[in-house]
Protein backbone atom coordinates (compact mmCIF):
# COMPACT_ATOMS: atom_id res chain seq x y z
CA MET A 1 20.81 21.39 20.68
CA ARG A 2 23.14 19.78 18.18
CA PRO A 3 20.30 18.35 16.03
CA TRP A 4 18.60 21.76 15.87
CA VAL A 5 21.81 23.50 14.83
CA SER A 6 22.45 20.82 12.20
CA GLN A 7 18.90 21.15 10.85
CA THR A 8 19.17 24.94 10.73
CA LYS A 9 22.43 24.69 8.78
CA GLY A 10 20.82 22.17 6.41
CA ASP A 11 17.84 24.47 5.85
CA ALA A 12 20.24 27.32 5.09
CA GLY A 13 22.09 25.16 2.57
CA GLU A 14 25.31 25.10 4.55
CA HIS A 15 25.59 21.30 4.43
CA ASP A 16 24.03 18.31 2.71
CA GLY A 17 20.90 16.66 4.03
CA LEU A 18 17.16 17.02 3.95
CA THR A 19 15.68 20.41 4.60
CA SER A 20 12.72 20.76 6.95
CA SER A 21 10.33 21.19 4.05
CA LYS A 22 11.72 18.09 2.31
CA ARG A 23 11.38 16.10 5.56
CA GLU A 24 7.73 17.17 5.84
CA GLU A 25 7.11 16.28 2.19
CA LEU A 26 8.75 12.88 2.65
CA ALA A 27 6.65 12.15 5.74
CA ALA A 28 3.46 13.14 3.88
CA LEU A 29 4.38 10.94 0.90
CA ARG A 30 5.12 7.99 3.18
CA ARG A 31 1.70 8.41 4.87
CA GLU A 32 -0.02 8.60 1.48
CA ASN A 33 1.88 5.53 0.26
CA ARG A 34 0.85 3.56 3.36
CA LEU A 35 -2.81 4.48 2.82
CA LEU A 36 -2.65 3.54 -0.86
CA LEU A 37 -1.09 0.17 -0.02
CA GLU A 38 -3.90 -0.45 2.49
CA ASP A 39 -6.46 0.42 -0.23
CA VAL A 40 -4.83 -2.02 -2.65
CA ASP A 41 -4.89 -4.76 0.00
CA ILE A 42 -8.59 -4.19 0.67
CA LEU A 43 -9.37 -4.27 -3.06
CA GLU A 44 -7.40 -7.49 -3.51
CA GLN A 45 -9.33 -9.11 -0.66
CA ALA A 46 -12.63 -7.92 -2.13
CA THR A 47 -11.66 -9.31 -5.53
CA VAL A 48 -10.97 -12.74 -4.03
CA PHE A 49 -14.24 -12.63 -2.10
CA PHE A 50 -16.39 -11.68 -5.08
CA ALA A 51 -14.58 -14.11 -7.37
CA SER A 52 -15.41 -16.91 -4.95
CA LEU A 53 -19.07 -15.88 -5.00
CA SER A 54 -19.19 -15.92 -8.78
CA GLY A 55 -18.03 -19.54 -8.93
CA TYR A 56 -14.44 -19.08 -9.95
CA TRP A 57 -11.35 -19.80 -7.91
CA ARG A 58 -8.07 -18.23 -8.74
CA SER A 59 -5.32 -20.74 -9.39
CA ALA A 60 -1.82 -20.56 -10.76
CA GLY A 61 -3.10 -21.19 -14.28
CA GLY A 62 -5.86 -18.59 -14.21
CA HIS A 63 -9.50 -19.09 -13.37
CA GLU A 64 -11.05 -22.49 -13.06
CA PRO A 65 -14.75 -23.07 -12.47
CA LYS A 66 -15.77 -24.62 -9.17
CA PRO A 67 -17.28 -28.07 -9.41
CA PRO A 68 -21.09 -27.98 -9.44
CA LEU A 69 -22.89 -28.52 -6.17
CA GLU A 70 -24.47 -31.91 -5.80
CA VAL A 71 -28.12 -31.72 -4.83
CA GLY A 72 -29.73 -34.72 -3.18
CA PRO A 73 -32.93 -36.41 -4.48
């Protein structure tokens, strides 16, 4: 019961700490942040994939063209 009493006092402003509404908002923001980070990761992977298809490899100095394919006689 102690955590409930403490949370109730916090919601009433009787002591410092996160209120229930702030806890819910924080949880929602953390979920949204996690999803956005996953989106960024997917986009970074897609960028690398499509860059490799277009003939450029990413290196420390920027983009360098891939060597041409050698075709036999």
